[in-house]
Structure formats: structure tokens, C-alpha cells
N, C-alpha and C. Protein backbone atom coordinates (compact mmCIF):
# COMPACT_ATOMS: atom_id res chain seq x y z
N MET A 1 -11.06 10.82 -22.23
CA MET A 1 -10.28 9.62 -22.09
C MET A 1 -11.18 8.39 -22.22
N LYS A 2 -12.36 8.45 -21.61
CA LYS A 2 -13.29 7.33 -21.68
C LYS A 2 -13.66 7.02 -23.12
N GLN A 3 -13.93 8.06 -23.89
CA GLN A 3 -14.30 7.87 -25.29
C GLN A 3 -13.14 7.27 -26.08
N ALA A 4 -11.94 7.76 -25.83
CA ALA A 4 -10.77 7.24 -26.54
C ALA A 4 -10.54 5.76 -26.22
N ILE A 5 -10.79 5.37 -24.97
CA ILE A 5 -10.67 3.97 -24.58
C ILE A 5 -11.73 3.14 -25.28
N GLU A 6 -12.97 3.63 -25.29
CA GLU A 6 -14.07 2.90 -25.94
C GLU A 6 -13.84 2.74 -27.43
N GLU A 7 -13.20 3.70 -28.07
CA GLU A 7 -12.93 3.63 -29.50
C GLU A 7 -11.62 2.93 -29.82
N ASN A 8 -10.98 2.34 -28.79
CA ASN A 8 -9.71 1.62 -28.93
C ASN A 8 -8.59 2.49 -29.48
N PHE A 9 -8.68 3.78 -29.23
CA PHE A 9 -7.60 4.68 -29.62
C PHE A 9 -6.47 4.60 -28.61
N ILE A 10 -6.84 4.46 -27.33
CA ILE A 10 -5.86 4.24 -26.26
C ILE A 10 -6.36 3.10 -25.39
N LEU A 11 -5.47 2.56 -24.58
CA LEU A 11 -5.83 1.50 -23.65
C LEU A 11 -6.10 2.09 -22.28
N ASP A 12 -6.87 1.37 -21.48
CA ASP A 12 -7.17 1.79 -20.11
C ASP A 12 -5.96 1.48 -19.24
N VAL A 13 -5.17 2.51 -18.94
CA VAL A 13 -3.94 2.31 -18.18
C VAL A 13 -4.19 2.06 -16.70
N LEU A 14 -5.37 2.37 -16.22
CA LEU A 14 -5.66 2.19 -14.80
C LEU A 14 -6.31 0.85 -14.49
N LYS A 15 -6.52 0.02 -15.49
CA LYS A 15 -7.20 -1.26 -15.30
C LYS A 15 -6.46 -2.17 -14.32
N ASN A 16 -5.14 -2.24 -14.42
CA ASN A 16 -4.35 -3.12 -13.57
C ASN A 16 -3.40 -2.35 -12.67
N TYR A 17 -3.75 -1.13 -12.33
CA TYR A 17 -2.89 -0.26 -11.53
C TYR A 17 -2.90 -0.68 -10.07
N THR A 18 -1.71 -0.76 -9.47
CA THR A 18 -1.57 -1.07 -8.06
C THR A 18 -0.69 0.00 -7.43
N THR A 19 -1.18 0.63 -6.38
CA THR A 19 -0.38 1.65 -5.71
C THR A 19 0.64 0.99 -4.80
N ILE A 20 1.65 1.75 -4.42
CA ILE A 20 2.66 1.22 -3.51
C ILE A 20 2.03 0.93 -2.17
N GLN A 21 1.06 1.77 -1.74
CA GLN A 21 0.38 1.51 -0.47
C GLN A 21 -0.32 0.16 -0.50
N GLU A 22 -0.96 -0.18 -1.61
CA GLU A 22 -1.62 -1.48 -1.72
C GLU A 22 -0.60 -2.61 -1.68
N ALA A 23 0.54 -2.39 -2.30
CA ALA A 23 1.58 -3.42 -2.29
C ALA A 23 2.10 -3.65 -0.87
N PHE A 24 2.26 -2.57 -0.10
CA PHE A 24 2.71 -2.72 1.28
C PHE A 24 1.63 -3.39 2.13
N LYS A 25 0.36 -3.15 1.84
CA LYS A 25 -0.72 -3.79 2.60
C LYS A 25 -0.72 -5.30 2.39
N ILE A 26 -0.28 -5.73 1.24
CA ILE A 26 -0.23 -7.16 0.96
C ILE A 26 0.71 -7.87 1.93
N ILE A 27 1.83 -7.23 2.28
CA ILE A 27 2.78 -7.88 3.18
C ILE A 27 2.43 -7.68 4.65
N ARG A 28 1.48 -6.81 4.93
CA ARG A 28 1.07 -6.59 6.31
C ARG A 28 0.22 -7.78 6.77
N ILE A 29 0.63 -8.42 7.85
CA ILE A 29 -0.09 -9.60 8.32
C ILE A 29 -1.28 -9.21 9.17
N SER A 30 -1.08 -8.26 10.07
CA SER A 30 -2.18 -7.84 10.91
C SER A 30 -1.92 -6.42 11.41
N GLU A 31 -2.95 -5.81 11.99
CA GLU A 31 -2.82 -4.44 12.52
C GLU A 31 -1.86 -4.38 13.70
N ASP A 32 -1.78 -5.45 14.48
CA ASP A 32 -0.92 -5.43 15.66
C ASP A 32 0.46 -6.01 15.36
N ASN A 33 0.88 -5.96 14.11
CA ASN A 33 2.19 -6.47 13.72
C ASN A 33 3.28 -5.59 14.35
N PRO A 34 4.11 -6.15 15.21
CA PRO A 34 5.15 -5.33 15.87
C PRO A 34 6.24 -4.84 14.92
N GLU A 35 6.39 -5.48 13.77
CA GLU A 35 7.42 -5.08 12.82
C GLU A 35 6.94 -3.99 11.85
N LEU A 36 5.67 -3.62 11.92
CA LEU A 36 5.11 -2.62 11.03
C LEU A 36 5.62 -1.23 11.41
N ILE A 37 6.18 -0.52 10.44
CA ILE A 37 6.71 0.83 10.69
C ILE A 37 5.61 1.83 10.35
N GLU A 38 5.36 2.78 11.26
CA GLU A 38 4.30 3.75 11.04
C GLU A 38 4.81 5.17 11.26
N GLY A 39 4.02 6.14 10.86
CA GLY A 39 4.31 7.55 11.12
C GLY A 39 5.39 8.13 10.23
N GLU A 40 6.18 9.03 10.79
CA GLU A 40 7.22 9.74 10.04
C GLU A 40 8.28 8.79 9.51
N ALA A 41 8.61 7.77 10.28
CA ALA A 41 9.61 6.79 9.82
C ALA A 41 9.11 6.08 8.57
N SER A 42 7.83 5.78 8.54
CA SER A 42 7.24 5.12 7.38
C SER A 42 7.31 6.02 6.15
N LYS A 43 7.03 7.30 6.33
CA LYS A 43 7.08 8.25 5.21
C LYS A 43 8.51 8.38 4.68
N ALA A 44 9.48 8.46 5.59
CA ALA A 44 10.88 8.58 5.17
C ALA A 44 11.34 7.32 4.44
N LEU A 45 10.96 6.17 4.94
CA LEU A 45 11.31 4.91 4.30
C LEU A 45 10.67 4.79 2.92
N PHE A 46 9.43 5.22 2.84
CA PHE A 46 8.68 5.20 1.59
C PHE A 46 9.36 6.08 0.54
N LYS A 47 9.75 7.28 0.95
CA LYS A 47 10.42 8.21 0.04
C LYS A 47 11.75 7.63 -0.44
N TYR A 48 12.50 7.05 0.48
CA TYR A 48 13.78 6.43 0.13
C TYR A 48 13.56 5.30 -0.88
N TYR A 49 12.54 4.49 -0.63
CA TYR A 49 12.21 3.36 -1.51
C TYR A 49 11.87 3.85 -2.92
N LYS A 50 11.04 4.90 -3.02
CA LYS A 50 10.60 5.38 -4.34
C LYS A 50 11.72 6.01 -5.14
N GLU A 51 12.70 6.60 -4.46
CA GLU A 51 13.75 7.34 -5.16
C GLU A 51 15.04 6.56 -5.35
N HIS A 52 15.15 5.38 -4.76
CA HIS A 52 16.39 4.61 -4.81
C HIS A 52 16.63 4.10 -6.23
N ASP A 53 17.90 4.15 -6.66
CA ASP A 53 18.25 3.72 -8.02
C ASP A 53 17.89 2.27 -8.29
N TYR A 54 18.07 1.41 -7.30
CA TYR A 54 17.74 -0.01 -7.48
C TYR A 54 16.24 -0.18 -7.75
N THR A 55 15.42 0.52 -7.00
CA THR A 55 13.97 0.43 -7.18
C THR A 55 13.58 0.96 -8.56
N ILE A 56 14.13 2.08 -8.96
CA ILE A 56 13.83 2.66 -10.27
C ILE A 56 14.25 1.67 -11.36
N THR A 57 15.42 1.08 -11.23
CA THR A 57 15.90 0.12 -12.23
C THR A 57 14.99 -1.09 -12.32
N GLN A 58 14.60 -1.64 -11.17
CA GLN A 58 13.74 -2.82 -11.16
C GLN A 58 12.37 -2.52 -11.77
N LYS A 59 11.80 -1.39 -11.39
CA LYS A 59 10.50 -1.01 -11.92
C LYS A 59 10.58 -0.75 -13.42
N THR A 60 11.66 -0.12 -13.87
CA THR A 60 11.84 0.15 -15.29
C THR A 60 11.94 -1.15 -16.07
N GLU A 61 12.66 -2.12 -15.54
CA GLU A 61 12.77 -3.41 -16.22
C GLU A 61 11.41 -4.09 -16.32
N MET A 62 10.60 -4.01 -15.26
CA MET A 62 9.26 -4.60 -15.31
C MET A 62 8.38 -3.88 -16.32
N ILE A 63 8.43 -2.56 -16.31
CA ILE A 63 7.63 -1.75 -17.24
C ILE A 63 8.00 -2.08 -18.68
N MET A 64 9.29 -2.09 -18.98
CA MET A 64 9.74 -2.31 -20.35
C MET A 64 9.49 -3.75 -20.80
N THR A 65 9.68 -4.71 -19.92
CA THR A 65 9.40 -6.11 -20.26
C THR A 65 7.93 -6.27 -20.59
N ASN A 66 7.06 -5.71 -19.75
CA ASN A 66 5.63 -5.80 -20.00
C ASN A 66 5.26 -5.12 -21.32
N PHE A 67 5.81 -3.94 -21.56
CA PHE A 67 5.50 -3.23 -22.79
C PHE A 67 5.99 -4.00 -24.02
N LEU A 68 7.24 -4.44 -23.98
CA LEU A 68 7.81 -5.09 -25.16
C LEU A 68 7.16 -6.44 -25.45
N GLN A 69 6.72 -7.15 -24.41
CA GLN A 69 6.13 -8.47 -24.62
C GLN A 69 4.63 -8.43 -24.84
N ASN A 70 3.93 -7.49 -24.25
CA ASN A 70 2.48 -7.53 -24.26
C ASN A 70 1.78 -6.37 -24.96
N CYS A 71 2.36 -5.20 -24.95
CA CYS A 71 1.61 -4.01 -25.33
C CYS A 71 2.02 -3.36 -26.65
N ARG A 72 3.23 -3.55 -27.07
CA ARG A 72 3.72 -2.75 -28.19
C ARG A 72 2.98 -3.03 -29.49
N TYR A 73 2.39 -4.20 -29.65
CA TYR A 73 1.69 -4.51 -30.91
C TYR A 73 0.19 -4.29 -30.82
N GLN A 74 -0.28 -3.74 -29.72
CA GLN A 74 -1.71 -3.45 -29.59
C GLN A 74 -2.04 -2.15 -30.31
N ILE A 75 -3.30 -1.85 -30.40
CA ILE A 75 -3.80 -0.66 -31.08
C ILE A 75 -3.26 -0.61 -32.51
N GLY A 76 -3.47 -1.68 -33.22
CA GLY A 76 -3.07 -1.71 -34.62
C GLY A 76 -1.58 -1.65 -34.84
N GLY A 77 -0.79 -2.18 -33.93
CA GLY A 77 0.66 -2.17 -34.07
C GLY A 77 1.30 -0.84 -33.74
N LYS A 78 0.54 0.08 -33.17
CA LYS A 78 1.07 1.41 -32.85
C LYS A 78 1.02 1.68 -31.35
N GLY A 79 1.18 0.62 -30.56
CA GLY A 79 1.11 0.78 -29.12
C GLY A 79 2.20 1.69 -28.58
N LYS A 80 1.84 2.51 -27.63
CA LYS A 80 2.78 3.42 -26.98
C LYS A 80 2.65 3.26 -25.48
N ALA A 81 3.63 3.74 -24.75
CA ALA A 81 3.59 3.62 -23.30
C ALA A 81 3.80 4.99 -22.67
N MET A 82 3.26 5.14 -21.47
CA MET A 82 3.45 6.35 -20.70
C MET A 82 3.77 5.93 -19.27
N VAL A 83 4.85 6.45 -18.75
CA VAL A 83 5.23 6.17 -17.37
C VAL A 83 4.84 7.37 -16.54
N VAL A 84 4.04 7.14 -15.51
CA VAL A 84 3.59 8.22 -14.64
C VAL A 84 4.35 8.13 -13.33
N ALA A 85 4.99 9.22 -12.95
CA ALA A 85 5.78 9.27 -11.72
C ALA A 85 5.14 10.26 -10.76
N ASP A 86 5.49 10.14 -9.49
CA ASP A 86 4.89 11.00 -8.48
C ASP A 86 5.57 12.36 -8.35
N SER A 87 6.71 12.52 -9.01
CA SER A 87 7.41 13.81 -8.97
C SER A 87 8.20 14.01 -10.25
N ARG A 88 8.59 15.23 -10.51
CA ARG A 88 9.40 15.50 -11.70
C ARG A 88 10.76 14.83 -11.58
N ALA A 89 11.30 14.84 -10.36
CA ALA A 89 12.62 14.21 -10.15
C ALA A 89 12.56 12.72 -10.48
N ASN A 90 11.50 12.04 -10.03
CA ASN A 90 11.37 10.62 -10.34
C ASN A 90 11.08 10.39 -11.81
N ALA A 91 10.36 11.30 -12.45
CA ALA A 91 10.11 11.19 -13.89
C ALA A 91 11.43 11.22 -14.65
N VAL A 92 12.33 12.09 -14.23
CA VAL A 92 13.65 12.17 -14.87
C VAL A 92 14.43 10.89 -14.61
N ARG A 93 14.34 10.35 -13.39
CA ARG A 93 15.02 9.09 -13.08
C ARG A 93 14.53 7.96 -13.98
N TYR A 94 13.21 7.87 -14.16
CA TYR A 94 12.65 6.84 -15.05
C TYR A 94 13.08 7.07 -16.49
N TYR A 95 13.10 8.32 -16.91
CA TYR A 95 13.51 8.66 -18.27
C TYR A 95 14.92 8.14 -18.55
N PHE A 96 15.85 8.43 -17.65
CA PHE A 96 17.23 7.98 -17.85
C PHE A 96 17.36 6.47 -17.74
N ALA A 97 16.57 5.85 -16.87
CA ALA A 97 16.62 4.38 -16.76
C ALA A 97 16.11 3.72 -18.03
N ILE A 98 15.05 4.26 -18.62
CA ILE A 98 14.52 3.71 -19.88
C ILE A 98 15.51 3.95 -21.01
N LYS A 99 16.10 5.13 -21.03
CA LYS A 99 17.10 5.44 -22.05
C LYS A 99 18.29 4.49 -21.96
N LYS A 100 18.67 4.14 -20.75
CA LYS A 100 19.80 3.23 -20.53
C LYS A 100 19.52 1.84 -21.12
N ILE A 101 18.27 1.41 -21.08
CA ILE A 101 17.91 0.10 -21.63
C ILE A 101 18.14 0.06 -23.13
N PHE A 102 17.91 1.17 -23.81
CA PHE A 102 18.03 1.21 -25.27
C PHE A 102 19.43 1.57 -25.77
N ARG A 103 20.36 1.80 -24.87
CA ARG A 103 21.75 2.06 -25.30
C ARG A 103 22.33 0.78 -25.87
N PRO A 104 23.13 0.89 -26.95
CA PRO A 104 23.71 -0.31 -27.55
C PRO A 104 24.65 -1.07 -26.62
N ASN A 105 25.41 -0.36 -25.80
CA ASN A 105 26.37 -1.00 -24.89
C ASN A 105 25.94 -0.80 -23.45
N ASN A 106 24.92 -1.57 -23.01
CA ASN A 106 24.42 -1.42 -21.64
C ASN A 106 25.55 -1.66 -20.71
């Protein structure tokens, strides 16, 4: 992968990668925040957030907007995208959300 990136065959997809944990840390004000949810409740909330249709739709719109505006003409006009999901179920959700964007009658 490193060689392919160096030869401009593919782009470094991890260059601007932000995990959901990092995104949640941004909104955390301090360690003693009384509103901070921890433990099993946090895991359940996290899972619900990742699998919710609204979240998938919003993320898909961001992914496709970024690709269509910034990436598709890179690598000699042959830019491609890859969406990486944390589970097969979420990969299918993203697949159908992306497919929905390209339908003629959204």
C-alpha cells in the first residue's frame, strides 16, 4: 500500500481519518463532566448511533459530496472511493444509501 501511495496509484485514505471516539472526545469538556455517559450505556448508545438510518444517510451524503467535489478527478481522472465500515451489516447499509443517491427519482 505504501508503494502504491508513493507511486500515486492510490491515495492515502488514512491521512484525514477521524474515529468516532475522537469525534466524541472533541465534545467532552472535562473528565468530571456529569453529562458524560460511560460503560455499557455508552457502548449501547454508540452502537445505536452507528447503525441508525439518519446517521448512515448523513455520513453517506458527506462521503459522496467529498468524493464528487474533491476526489473523483484525482489520479489522472480515474479516482475511486472505498467506504470502510465496522461490520458487514453497516457495509450493506452504506451500500444501499450510496445506491439511493444515484437513483434517478430520489
